[in-house]
C-alpha atoms as a PDB file:
ATOM      1  CA  MET A   1      31.487  -1.960  17.501  1.00  0.00           C
ATOM      2  CA  ALA A   2      28.155  -3.826  16.685  1.00  0.00           C
ATOM      3  CA  SER A   3      25.617  -1.957  14.936  1.00  0.00           C
ATOM      4  CA  ALA A   4      22.036  -2.214  15.264  1.00  0.00           C
ATOM      5  CA  ALA A   5      19.856  -4.150  12.630  1.00  0.00           C
ATOM      6  CA  PRO A   6      17.581  -2.152  10.536  1.00  0.00           C
ATOM      7  CA  ALA A   7      14.028  -1.948  11.391  1.00  0.00           C
ATOM      8  CA  ALA A   8      11.677  -3.986   9.365  1.00  0.00           C
ATOM      9  CA  ALA A   9       9.610  -1.706   6.669  1.00  0.00           C
ATOM     10  CA  PRO A  10       6.065  -1.187   8.117  1.00  0.00           C
ATOM     11  CA  ALA A  11       4.028  -3.735   5.843  1.00  0.00           C
ATOM     12  CA  PHE A  12       0.314  -3.383   4.814  1.00  0.00           C
ATOM     13  CA  PHE A  13      -1.874  -6.139   3.157  1.00  0.00           C
ATOM     14  CA  ILE A  14      -4.870  -4.948   1.197  1.00  0.00           C
ATOM     15  CA  ASN A  15      -7.120  -8.033   0.500  1.00  0.00           C
ATOM     16  CA  SER A  16     -10.637  -6.568   0.435  1.00  0.00           C
ATOM     17  CA  ASN A  17     -12.521  -3.758  -1.414  1.00  0.00           C
ATOM     18  CA  SER A  18     -13.850  -2.556   1.804  1.00  0.00           C
ATOM     19  CA  GLN A  19     -10.197  -1.426   3.353  1.00  0.00           C
ATOM     20  CA  GLN A  20      -9.968   2.201   2.113  1.00  0.00           C
ATOM     21  CA  ASP A  21      -9.304   3.496   5.492  1.00  0.00           C
ATOM     22  CA  LEU A  22      -6.439   0.747   6.115  1.00  0.00           C
ATOM     23  CA  PHE A  23      -5.090   2.128   2.401  1.00  0.00           C
ATOM     24  CA  VAL A  24      -5.070   5.781   3.631  1.00  0.00           C
ATOM     25  CA  GLN A  25      -3.331   4.770   6.944  1.00  0.00           C
ATOM     26  CA  ALA A  26      -0.749   2.779   5.110  1.00  0.00           C
ATOM     27  CA  ILE A  27       0.341   5.564   2.412  1.00  0.00           C
ATOM     28  CA  ASP A  28       0.495   7.977   5.278  1.00  0.00           C
ATOM     29  CA  THR A  29       3.260   5.736   7.041  1.00  0.00           C
ATOM     30  CA  PRO A  30       6.645   6.835   6.194  1.00  0.00           C
ATOM     31  CA  ASP A  31       8.728   3.599   4.193  1.00  0.00           C
ATOM     32  CA  ALA A  32       5.603   1.260   4.188  1.00  0.00           C
ATOM     33  CA  VAL A  33       5.318  -1.518   1.844  1.00  0.00           C
ATOM     34  CA  VAL A  34       1.741  -1.664   0.822  1.00  0.00           C
ATOM     35  CA  ARG A  35       0.260  -4.815  -1.036  1.00  0.00           C
ATOM     36  CA  ILE A  36      -2.835  -4.656  -2.857  1.00  0.00           C
ATOM     37  CA  ALA A  37      -4.252  -8.174  -3.831  1.00  0.00           C
ATOM     38  CA  GLY A  38      -4.875  -8.108  -7.715  1.00  0.00           C
ATOM     39  CA  ASN A  39      -8.441  -8.759  -7.336  1.00  0.00           C
ATOM     40  CA  VAL A  40      -9.066  -5.670  -5.194  1.00  0.00           C
ATOM     41  CA  ASP A  41     -11.144  -2.766  -6.361  1.00  0.00           C
ATOM     42  CA  LEU A  42     -10.160  -0.196  -3.784  1.00  0.00           C
ATOM     43  CA  ASP A  43     -12.866   2.813  -4.636  1.00  0.00           C
ATOM     44  CA  LEU A  44     -11.329   5.787  -3.134  1.00  0.00           C
ATOM     45  CA  THR A  45     -14.085   8.071  -4.464  1.00  0.00           C
ATOM     46  CA  GLY A  46     -14.416  11.269  -2.400  1.00  0.00           C
ATOM     47  CA  ARG A  47     -10.497  10.990  -1.275  1.00  0.00           C
ATOM     48  CA  GLU A  48      -8.786  12.625  -3.928  1.00  0.00           C
ATOM     49  CA  SER A  49      -5.244  14.253  -3.395  1.00  0.00           C
ATOM     50  CA  LEU A  50      -4.007  11.615  -0.711  1.00  0.00           C
ATOM     51  CA  PRO A  51      -0.609  12.516   0.569  1.00  0.00           C
ATOM     52  CA  VAL A  52       1.823   9.577   0.227  1.00  0.00           C
ATOM     53  CA  ALA A  53       4.584   9.566   2.780  1.00  0.00           C
ATOM     54  CA  ALA A  54       8.155   9.486   1.947  1.00  0.00           C
ATOM     55  CA  GLY A  55       9.515   5.972   0.845  1.00  0.00           C
ATOM     56  CA  VAL A  56       6.130   4.297   0.589  1.00  0.00           C
ATOM     57  CA  GLN A  57       6.154   1.413  -2.009  1.00  0.00           C
ATOM     58  CA  ILE A  58       2.406   0.365  -3.248  1.00  0.00           C
ATOM     59  CA  LEU A  59       2.527  -3.213  -4.979  1.00  0.00           C
ATOM     60  CA  SER A  60       0.304  -5.250  -6.533  1.00  0.00           C
ATOM     61  CA  ASP A  61      -0.180  -8.708  -8.302  1.00  0.00           C
ATOM     62  CA  ARG A  62      -2.540  -7.463 -11.042  1.00  0.00           C
ATOM     63  CA  SER A  63      -1.464  -8.118 -14.459  1.00  0.00           C
ATOM     64  CA  THR A  64      -0.951  -5.033 -16.600  1.00  0.00           C
ATOM     65  CA  THR A  65      -2.900  -7.056 -19.356  1.00  0.00           C
ATOM     66  CA  THR A  66      -6.828  -7.119 -19.345  1.00  0.00           C
ATOM     67  CA  GLY A  67      -7.095 -10.591 -21.356  1.00  0.00           C
ATOM     68  CA  GLN A  68      -8.851  -8.978 -24.233  1.00  0.00           C
END
Protein backbone atom coordinates (compact mmCIF):
# COMPACT_ATOMS: atom_id res chain seq x y z
CA MET A 1 0.00 0.00 0.00
CA ALA A 2 1.53 3.29 -1.10
CA SER A 3 1.23 6.30 1.15
CA ALA A 4 0.67 9.82 -0.10
CA ALA A 5 3.62 12.17 0.01
CA PRO A 6 3.29 14.80 2.72
CA ALA A 7 2.13 18.17 1.48
CA ALA A 8 4.77 20.87 1.37
CA ALA A 9 4.45 23.51 4.06
CA PRO A 10 3.10 26.84 2.80
CA ALA A 11 6.03 29.23 2.33
CA PHE A 12 5.95 33.02 2.55
CA PHE A 13 8.83 35.38 1.74
CA ILE A 14 8.87 38.85 3.29
CA ASN A 15 11.47 40.94 1.47
CA SER A 16 9.98 44.43 1.65
CA ASN A 17 9.18 46.79 4.53
CA SER A 18 5.65 47.20 3.13
CA GLN A 19 4.54 43.55 3.36
CA GLN A 20 2.73 43.78 6.71
CA ASP A 21 -0.50 42.33 5.29
CA LEU A 22 1.34 39.34 3.80
CA PHE A 23 3.08 38.75 7.14
CA VAL A 24 -0.25 38.78 8.99
CA GLN A 25 -1.70 36.32 6.44
CA ALA A 26 1.39 34.12 6.71
CA ILE A 27 1.38 33.80 10.50
CA ASP A 28 -2.33 32.94 10.37
CA THR A 29 -1.61 29.96 8.07
CA PRO A 30 -1.09 26.69 9.98
CA ASP A 31 2.34 25.07 9.48
CA ALA A 32 3.59 27.98 7.34
CA VAL A 33 7.27 28.81 6.99
CA VAL A 34 7.71 32.59 7.01
CA ARG A 35 11.11 33.86 5.86
CA ILE A 36 11.97 37.50 6.51
CA ALA A 37 14.92 39.06 4.68
CA GLY A 38 17.54 40.43 7.09
CA ASN A 39 17.26 43.96 5.77
CA VAL A 40 13.49 44.20 6.35
CA ASP A 41 12.15 46.54 9.04
CA LEU A 42 8.55 45.34 9.29
CA ASP A 43 6.60 47.99 11.23
CA LEU A 44 3.65 46.28 12.91
CA THR A 45 2.61 49.31 14.95
CA GLY A 46 -1.09 49.10 15.76
CA ARG A 47 -1.17 45.35 15.15
CA GLU A 48 -0.41 44.18 18.66
CA SER A 49 -1.47 40.71 19.84
CA LEU A 50 -1.37 39.04 16.43
CA PRO A 51 -2.37 35.39 16.63
CA VAL A 52 0.14 32.87 15.31
CA ALA A 53 -1.30 29.62 13.94
CA ALA A 54 -0.06 26.23 15.10
CA GLY A 55 3.21 25.05 13.58
CA VAL A 56 4.26 28.42 12.12
CA GLN A 57 8.02 28.99 11.78
CA ILE A 58 9.28 32.58 11.50
CA LEU A 59 12.84 32.66 10.15
CA SER A 60 15.26 35.44 9.25
CA ASP A 61 18.80 35.81 8.06
CA ARG A 62 19.36 38.84 10.30
CA SER A 63 22.44 38.55 12.46
CA THR A 64 22.10 38.58 16.25
CA THR A 65 25.00 41.02 16.48
CA THR A 66 24.74 44.70 15.70
CA GLY A 67 28.34 45.32 14.61
CA GLN A 68 29.04 47.73 17.46
